[in-house]
Amino acid sequence: MRQLVEAYFTLIKILMALCMAGMVVLVFGNVVLRYAFNSGITVSEEMSRLFFVWMCFLGAILGLRERAHLGVDTLVARLPRTGKMVCAVVSCGLMLWVTWLVLQGSWTQTVINWDAQAPATGLSMGLLYGIGVVFGLSTGAILLHEMYLLLTGRISDADLVMVSESEDLPEATAHGAHTGGHRTHQSTNQGGTNREEALPLPSQTASSR
């Protein structure tokens, strides 16, 4: 299962890179053709918009998984574990609700616009809204997993702070200050004492979506 999850997020990174490359080629190529050859790429505007929307939503999924989204943790970071747990559960619950709204709205718009065609490319307009469905399903799964870890107490104090306070923090500082490099959960050994087992996570960043 872990390998499947890692493969999925690797695919997201590849798709983001392809979207960025497509945007650069289409926009830059269109500018060169327009000014140098009095011509242009007809589908440039529509495809660039589609690539941009998909890249943003895919990046948001990746940012949520790596806890790279910006937030203010001045209060939460100073609370005891119980306070952090309450804040994390409330935050996760609110994000799940918003994710459900995005998923529901995106699915409705995708169905409505599936038969509508873009004027230049002829592609279904449902593709523009379909990324919202991918976003809702992906982030929903991430948040449900986070909620499971929270409710079962299988999460470390550092991981209870679910945001990065500044995008200017060095990567090493961001690793140690809030999220650490690993998520930990409590387990019990044969002697009955609790110990923490480190579960590897992808490198944390302090970038925003």
C-alpha atoms as a PDB file:
ATOM      1  CA  MET A   1       0.000   0.000   0.000  1.00  0.00           C
ATOM      2  CA  ARG A   2       2.793   2.423   0.877  1.00  0.00           C
ATOM      3  CA  GLN A   3       4.443   1.821  -2.492  1.00  0.00           C
ATOM      4  CA  LEU A   4       1.149   2.483  -4.252  1.00  0.00           C
ATOM      5  CA  VAL A   5       0.702   5.760  -2.373  1.00  0.00           C
ATOM      6  CA  GLU A   6       4.254   6.858  -3.164  1.00  0.00           C
ATOM      7  CA  ALA A   7       3.710   5.984  -6.831  1.00  0.00           C
ATOM      8  CA  TYR A   8       0.555   8.104  -6.879  1.00  0.00           C
ATOM      9  CA  PHE A   9       2.306  11.174  -5.507  1.00  0.00           C
ATOM     10  CA  THR A  10       5.224  10.607  -7.866  1.00  0.00           C
ATOM     11  CA  LEU A  11       2.698  10.629 -10.717  1.00  0.00           C
ATOM     12  CA  ILE A  12       1.344  13.940  -9.405  1.00  0.00           C
ATOM     13  CA  LYS A  13       4.832  15.439  -9.486  1.00  0.00           C
ATOM     14  CA  ILE A  14       5.344  14.227 -13.056  1.00  0.00           C
ATOM     15  CA  LEU A  15       2.006  15.678 -14.153  1.00  0.00           C
ATOM     16  CA  MET A  16       2.881  19.010 -12.538  1.00  0.00           C
ATOM     17  CA  ALA A  17       6.184  19.109 -14.414  1.00  0.00           C
ATOM     18  CA  LEU A  18       4.427  18.282 -17.684  1.00  0.00           C
ATOM     19  CA  CYS A  19       1.850  21.009 -17.104  1.00  0.00           C
ATOM     20  CA  MET A  20       4.583  23.548 -16.421  1.00  0.00           C
ATOM     21  CA  ALA A  21       6.524  22.476 -19.506  1.00  0.00           C
ATOM     22  CA  GLY A  22       3.390  22.656 -21.626  1.00  0.00           C
ATOM     23  CA  MET A  23       2.622  26.164 -20.384  1.00  0.00           C
ATOM     24  CA  VAL A  24       6.151  27.381 -21.144  1.00  0.00           C
ATOM     25  CA  VAL A  25       6.177  25.910 -24.641  1.00  0.00           C
ATOM     26  CA  LEU A  26       2.729  27.195 -25.557  1.00  0.00           C
ATOM     27  CA  VAL A  27       3.015  30.707 -24.118  1.00  0.00           C
ATOM     28  CA  PHE A  28       6.618  31.377 -25.152  1.00  0.00           C
ATOM     29  CA  GLY A  29       6.101  29.750 -28.547  1.00  0.00           C
ATOM     30  CA  ASN A  30       2.986  31.806 -29.152  1.00  0.00           C
ATOM     31  CA  VAL A  31       4.831  35.046 -28.331  1.00  0.00           C
ATOM     32  CA  VAL A  32       7.710  34.183 -30.670  1.00  0.00           C
ATOM     33  CA  LEU A  33       5.371  33.211 -33.505  1.00  0.00           C
ATOM     34  CA  ARG A  34       3.237  36.301 -33.064  1.00  0.00           C
ATOM     35  CA  TYR A  35       6.061  38.844 -33.074  1.00  0.00           C
ATOM     36  CA  ALA A  36       8.477  37.119 -35.431  1.00  0.00           C
ATOM     37  CA  PHE A  37       6.225  35.365 -37.932  1.00  0.00           C
ATOM     38  CA  ASN A  38       2.869  37.143 -37.547  1.00  0.00           C
ATOM     39  CA  SER A  39       1.329  33.808 -36.647  1.00  0.00           C
ATOM     40  CA  GLY A  40       0.375  31.964 -33.486  1.00  0.00           C
ATOM     41  CA  ILE A  41      -0.765  28.773 -31.806  1.00  0.00           C
ATOM     42  CA  THR A  42      -4.561  28.698 -31.903  1.00  0.00           C
ATOM     43  CA  VAL A  43      -4.983  26.437 -28.875  1.00  0.00           C
ATOM     44  CA  SER A  44      -2.366  28.221 -26.769  1.00  0.00           C
ATOM     45  CA  GLU A  45      -4.744  30.158 -24.524  1.00  0.00           C
ATOM     46  CA  GLU A  46      -7.112  27.290 -23.776  1.00  0.00           C
ATOM     47  CA  MET A  47      -4.418  24.686 -23.213  1.00  0.00           C
ATOM     48  CA  SER A  48      -2.319  27.034 -21.065  1.00  0.00           C
ATOM     49  CA  ARG A  49      -5.341  27.740 -18.876  1.00  0.00           C
ATOM     50  CA  LEU A  50      -6.087  24.026 -18.551  1.00  0.00           C
ATOM     51  CA  PHE A  51      -2.458  23.238 -17.663  1.00  0.00           C
ATOM     52  CA  PHE A  52      -2.345  26.074 -15.130  1.00  0.00           C
ATOM     53  CA  VAL A  53      -5.523  24.991 -13.337  1.00  0.00           C
ATOM     54  CA  TRP A  54      -4.409  21.366 -13.171  1.00  0.00           C
ATOM     55  CA  MET A  55      -0.923  22.309 -11.982  1.00  0.00           C
ATOM     56  CA  CYS A  56      -2.327  24.474  -9.159  1.00  0.00           C
ATOM     57  CA  PHE A  57      -4.721  21.828  -7.882  1.00  0.00           C
ATOM     58  CA  LEU A  58      -2.122  19.060  -8.129  1.00  0.00           C
ATOM     59  CA  GLY A  59       0.336  21.254  -6.251  1.00  0.00           C
ATOM     60  CA  ALA A  60      -2.277  21.844  -3.560  1.00  0.00           C
ATOM     61  CA  ILE A  61      -2.648  18.083  -3.093  1.00  0.00           C
ATOM     62  CA  LEU A  62       1.104  17.667  -2.774  1.00  0.00           C
ATOM     63  CA  GLY A  63       1.372  20.649  -0.439  1.00  0.00           C
ATOM     64  CA  LEU A  64      -1.253  19.222   1.900  1.00  0.00           C
ATOM     65  CA  ARG A  65       0.519  15.900   2.068  1.00  0.00           C
ATOM     66  CA  GLU A  66       3.875  17.532   2.820  1.00  0.00           C
ATOM     67  CA  ARG A  67       2.342  20.140   5.150  1.00  0.00           C
ATOM     68  CA  ALA A  68       3.806  22.927   3.077  1.00  0.00           C
ATOM     69  CA  HIS A  69       0.858  25.308   3.286  1.00  0.00           C
ATOM     70  CA  LEU A  70       1.396  28.526   5.198  1.00  0.00           C
ATOM     71  CA  GLY A  71      -0.428  29.320   8.411  1.00  0.00           C
ATOM     72  CA  VAL A  72      -0.039  31.039  11.767  1.00  0.00           C
ATOM     73  CA  ASP A  73       1.087  28.649  14.495  1.00  0.00           C
ATOM     74  CA  THR A  74       1.984  31.254  17.138  1.00  0.00           C
ATOM     75  CA  LEU A  75      -0.751  30.076  19.495  1.00  0.00           C
ATOM     76  CA  VAL A  76      -0.978  26.384  18.616  1.00  0.00           C
ATOM     77  CA  ALA A  77       2.768  25.805  18.985  1.00  0.00           C
ATOM     78  CA  ARG A  78       2.577  26.985  22.605  1.00  0.00           C
ATOM     79  CA  LEU A  79      -0.385  24.881  23.653  1.00  0.00           C
ATOM     80  CA  PRO A  80      -0.009  21.611  25.579  1.00  0.00           C
ATOM     81  CA  ARG A  81      -0.582  18.353  23.741  1.00  0.00           C
ATOM     82  CA  THR A  82      -4.293  18.290  24.596  1.00  0.00           C
ATOM     83  CA  GLY A  83      -4.795  21.787  23.211  1.00  0.00           C
ATOM     84  CA  LYS A  84      -2.872  20.922  20.069  1.00  0.00           C
ATOM     85  CA  MET A  85      -4.974  17.789  19.644  1.00  0.00           C
ATOM     86  CA  VAL A  86      -8.217  19.753  19.912  1.00  0.00           C
ATOM     87  CA  CYS A  87      -7.038  22.373  17.421  1.00  0.00           C
ATOM     88  CA  ALA A  88      -5.788  19.713  15.012  1.00  0.00           C
ATOM     89  CA  VAL A  89      -9.060  17.760  15.136  1.00  0.00           C
ATOM     90  CA  VAL A  90     -11.135  20.918  14.600  1.00  0.00           C
ATOM     91  CA  SER A  91      -8.876  22.062  11.753  1.00  0.00           C
ATOM     92  CA  CYS A  92      -8.947  18.654  10.100  1.00  0.00           C
ATOM     93  CA  GLY A  93     -12.720  18.484  10.433  1.00  0.00           C
ATOM     94  CA  LEU A  94     -13.172  21.928   8.843  1.00  0.00           C
ATOM     95  CA  MET A  95     -10.841  21.007   5.998  1.00  0.00           C
ATOM     96  CA  LEU A  96     -12.782  17.800   5.395  1.00  0.00           C
ATOM     97  CA  TRP A  97     -16.009  19.802   5.193  1.00  0.00           C
ATOM     98  CA  VAL A  98     -14.519  22.281   2.703  1.00  0.00           C
ATOM     99  CA  THR A  99     -13.049  19.398   0.709  1.00  0.00           C
ATOM    100  CA  TRP A 100     -16.485  17.822   0.494  1.00  0.00           C
ATOM    101  CA  LEU A 101     -17.935  21.103  -0.805  1.00  0.00           C
ATOM    102  CA  VAL A 102     -15.199  21.342  -3.453  1.00  0.00           C
ATOM    103  CA  LEU A 103     -15.721  17.708  -4.469  1.00  0.00           C
ATOM    104  CA  GLN A 104     -19.479  18.070  -4.666  1.00  0.00           C
ATOM    105  CA  GLY A 105     -19.337  21.313  -6.653  1.00  0.00           C
ATOM    106  CA  SER A 106     -16.621  20.065  -8.996  1.00  0.00           C
ATOM    107  CA  TRP A 107     -18.512  16.856  -9.733  1.00  0.00           C
ATOM    108  CA  THR A 108     -21.672  18.816 -10.519  1.00  0.00           C
ATOM    109  CA  GLN A 109     -19.817  21.210 -12.833  1.00  0.00           C
ATOM    110  CA  THR A 110     -17.974  18.351 -14.523  1.00  0.00           C
ATOM    111  CA  VAL A 111     -21.211  16.532 -15.313  1.00  0.00           C
ATOM    112  CA  ILE A 112     -22.908  19.721 -16.534  1.00  0.00           C
ATOM    113  CA  ASN A 113     -20.024  20.755 -18.800  1.00  0.00           C
ATOM    114  CA  TRP A 114     -18.889  17.339 -20.019  1.00  0.00           C
ATOM    115  CA  ASP A 115     -20.689  17.683 -23.342  1.00  0.00           C
ATOM    116  CA  ALA A 116     -19.662  21.314 -23.821  1.00  0.00           C
ATOM    117  CA  GLN A 117     -16.662  21.783 -26.091  1.00  0.00           C
ATOM    118  CA  ALA A 118     -13.955  24.423 -25.884  1.00  0.00           C
ATOM    119  CA  PRO A 119     -14.074  26.632 -29.011  1.00  0.00           C
ATOM    120  CA  ALA A 120     -10.417  26.288 -30.040  1.00  0.00           C
ATOM    121  CA  THR A 121      -9.385  22.794 -28.944  1.00  0.00           C
ATOM    122  CA  GLY A 122     -12.739  21.038 -29.028  1.00  0.00           C
ATOM    123  CA  LEU A 123     -11.906  19.387 -25.716  1.00  0.00           C
ATOM    124  CA  SER A 124     -14.606  18.795 -23.156  1.00  0.00           C
ATOM    125  CA  MET A 125     -15.009  21.672 -20.695  1.00  0.00           C
ATOM    126  CA  GLY A 126     -15.519  18.993 -18.068  1.00  0.00           C
ATOM    127  CA  LEU A 127     -11.748  18.529 -18.029  1.00  0.00           C
ATOM    128  CA  LEU A 128     -11.373  22.006 -16.563  1.00  0.00           C
ATOM    129  CA  TYR A 129     -13.607  21.118 -13.617  1.00  0.00           C
ATOM    130  CA  GLY A 130     -12.569  17.474 -13.364  1.00  0.00           C
ATOM    131  CA  ILE A 131      -9.383  18.331 -11.513  1.00  0.00           C
ATOM    132  CA  GLY A 132     -11.593  19.476  -8.642  1.00  0.00           C
ATOM    133  CA  VAL A 133     -12.849  15.906  -8.348  1.00  0.00           C
ATOM    134  CA  VAL A 134      -9.290  14.576  -8.315  1.00  0.00           C
ATOM    135  CA  PHE A 135      -8.391  17.208  -5.720  1.00  0.00           C
ATOM    136  CA  GLY A 136     -11.377  16.403  -3.511  1.00  0.00           C
ATOM    137  CA  LEU A 137     -10.794  12.647  -3.535  1.00  0.00           C
ATOM    138  CA  SER A 138      -7.036  12.971  -2.943  1.00  0.00           C
ATOM    139  CA  THR A 139      -7.152  15.569  -0.170  1.00  0.00           C
ATOM    140  CA  GLY A 140     -10.114  13.821   1.393  1.00  0.00           C
ATOM    141  CA  ALA A 141      -8.089  10.616   1.675  1.00  0.00           C
ATOM    142  CA  ILE A 142      -5.136  12.518   3.161  1.00  0.00           C
ATOM    143  CA  LEU A 143      -7.322  14.291   5.722  1.00  0.00           C
ATOM    144  CA  LEU A 144      -9.175  11.119   6.704  1.00  0.00           C
ATOM    145  CA  HIS A 145      -5.817   9.462   7.351  1.00  0.00           C
ATOM    146  CA  GLU A 146      -4.735  12.463   9.422  1.00  0.00           C
ATOM    147  CA  MET A 147      -7.980  12.318  11.400  1.00  0.00           C
ATOM    148  CA  TYR A 148      -7.468   8.608  12.047  1.00  0.00           C
ATOM    149  CA  LEU A 149      -3.973   9.264  13.406  1.00  0.00           C
ATOM    150  CA  LEU A 150      -5.288  12.084  15.579  1.00  0.00           C
ATOM    151  CA  LEU A 151      -8.200  10.163  17.064  1.00  0.00           C
ATOM    152  CA  THR A 152      -6.052   7.125  17.803  1.00  0.00           C
ATOM    153  CA  GLY A 153      -3.247   9.229  19.323  1.00  0.00           C
ATOM    154  CA  ARG A 154      -0.708   7.853  16.881  1.00  0.00           C
ATOM    155  CA  ILE A 155       0.875  11.193  16.076  1.00  0.00           C
ATOM    156  CA  SER A 156       3.753  13.116  17.629  1.00  0.00           C
ATOM    157  CA  ASP A 157       3.535  16.582  19.221  1.00  0.00           C
ATOM    158  CA  ALA A 158       5.554  18.107  16.381  1.00  0.00           C
ATOM    159  CA  ASP A 159       3.127  16.792  13.784  1.00  0.00           C
ATOM    160  CA  LEU A 160       0.166  18.351  15.588  1.00  0.00           C
ATOM    161  CA  VAL A 161       1.244  21.711  14.148  1.00  0.00           C
ATOM    162  CA  MET A 162      -0.069  21.196  10.641  1.00  0.00           C
ATOM    163  CA  VAL A 163       1.271  24.306   8.859  1.00  0.00           C
ATOM    164  CA  SER A 164       4.499  26.130   8.070  1.00  0.00           C
ATOM    165  CA  GLU A 165       4.725  29.557   9.689  1.00  0.00           C
ATOM    166  CA  SER A 166       6.980  31.193   7.075  1.00  0.00           C
ATOM    167  CA  GLU A 167       7.915  30.445   3.492  1.00  0.00           C
ATOM    168  CA  ASP A 168      11.323  32.035   4.153  1.00  0.00           C
ATOM    169  CA  LEU A 169      12.375  29.440   6.734  1.00  0.00           C
ATOM    170  CA  PRO A 170      15.367  27.323   5.699  1.00  0.00           C
ATOM    171  CA  GLU A 171      14.403  23.775   4.877  1.00  0.00           C
ATOM    172  CA  ALA A 172      16.368  22.325   7.776  1.00  0.00           C
ATOM    173  CA  THR A 173      14.704  24.743  10.207  1.00  0.00           C
ATOM    174  CA  ALA A 174      11.287  23.892   8.845  1.00  0.00           C
ATOM    175  CA  HIS A 175      12.018  20.220   9.382  1.00  0.00           C
ATOM    176  CA  GLY A 176      12.923  20.629  13.021  1.00  0.00           C
ATOM    177  CA  ALA A 177      10.565  23.406  14.037  1.00  0.00           C
ATOM    178  CA  HIS A 178       7.164  22.011  13.177  1.00  0.00           C
ATOM    179  CA  THR A 179       6.798  18.848  11.201  1.00  0.00           C
ATOM    180  CA  GLY A 180      10.018  16.992  11.711  1.00  0.00           C
ATOM    181  CA  GLY A 181      11.255  14.627   9.060  1.00  0.00           C
ATOM    182  CA  HIS A 182       9.040  11.781  10.190  1.00  0.00           C
ATOM    183  CA  ARG A 183       5.640  11.151  11.622  1.00  0.00           C
ATOM    184  CA  THR A 184       5.691   9.088  14.786  1.00  0.00           C
ATOM    185  CA  HIS A 185       3.087   7.034  16.543  1.00  0.00           C
ATOM    186  CA  GLN A 186       2.949   5.386  19.919  1.00  0.00           C
ATOM    187  CA  SER A 187       3.310   1.652  20.264  1.00  0.00           C
ATOM    188  CA  THR A 188       3.771  -0.683  23.194  1.00  0.00           C
ATOM    189  CA  ASN A 189       6.655  -3.101  23.492  1.00  0.00           C
ATOM    190  CA  GLN A 190       6.666  -6.388  25.329  1.00  0.00           C
ATOM    191  CA  GLY A 191       7.604  -4.724  28.603  1.00  0.00           C
ATOM    192  CA  GLY A 192       4.474  -2.596  28.573  1.00  0.00           C
ATOM    193  CA  THR A 193       6.241   0.737  28.080  1.00  0.00           C
ATOM    194  CA  ASN A 194       5.459   3.150  25.306  1.00  0.00           C
ATOM    195  CA  ARG A 195       7.967   3.911  22.619  1.00  0.00           C
ATOM    196  CA  GLU A 196       7.863   5.895  19.408  1.00  0.00           C
ATOM    197  CA  GLU A 197       8.349   4.336  16.013  1.00  0.00           C
ATOM    198  CA  ALA A 198       9.366   6.662  13.220  1.00  0.00           C
ATOM    199  CA  LEU A 199       7.404   6.443  10.026  1.00  0.00           C
ATOM    200  CA  PRO A 200       9.256   8.042   7.101  1.00  0.00           C
ATOM    201  CA  LEU A 201       7.600  10.945   5.384  1.00  0.00           C
ATOM    202  CA  PRO A 202       8.719  12.858   2.326  1.00  0.00           C
ATOM    203  CA  SER A 203      10.967  15.809   2.990  1.00  0.00           C
ATOM    204  CA  GLN A 204       9.007  18.724   4.422  1.00  0.00           C
ATOM    205  CA  THR A 205       9.211  22.110   2.804  1.00  0.00           C
ATOM    206  CA  ALA A 206       8.159  25.549   3.824  1.00  0.00           C
ATOM    207  CA  SER A 207       6.741  26.546   0.485  1.00  0.00           C
ATOM    208  CA  SER A 208       3.129  27.443  -0.219  1.00  0.00           C
ATOM    209  CA  ARG A 209       0.789  26.101  -2.860  1.00  0.00           C
END
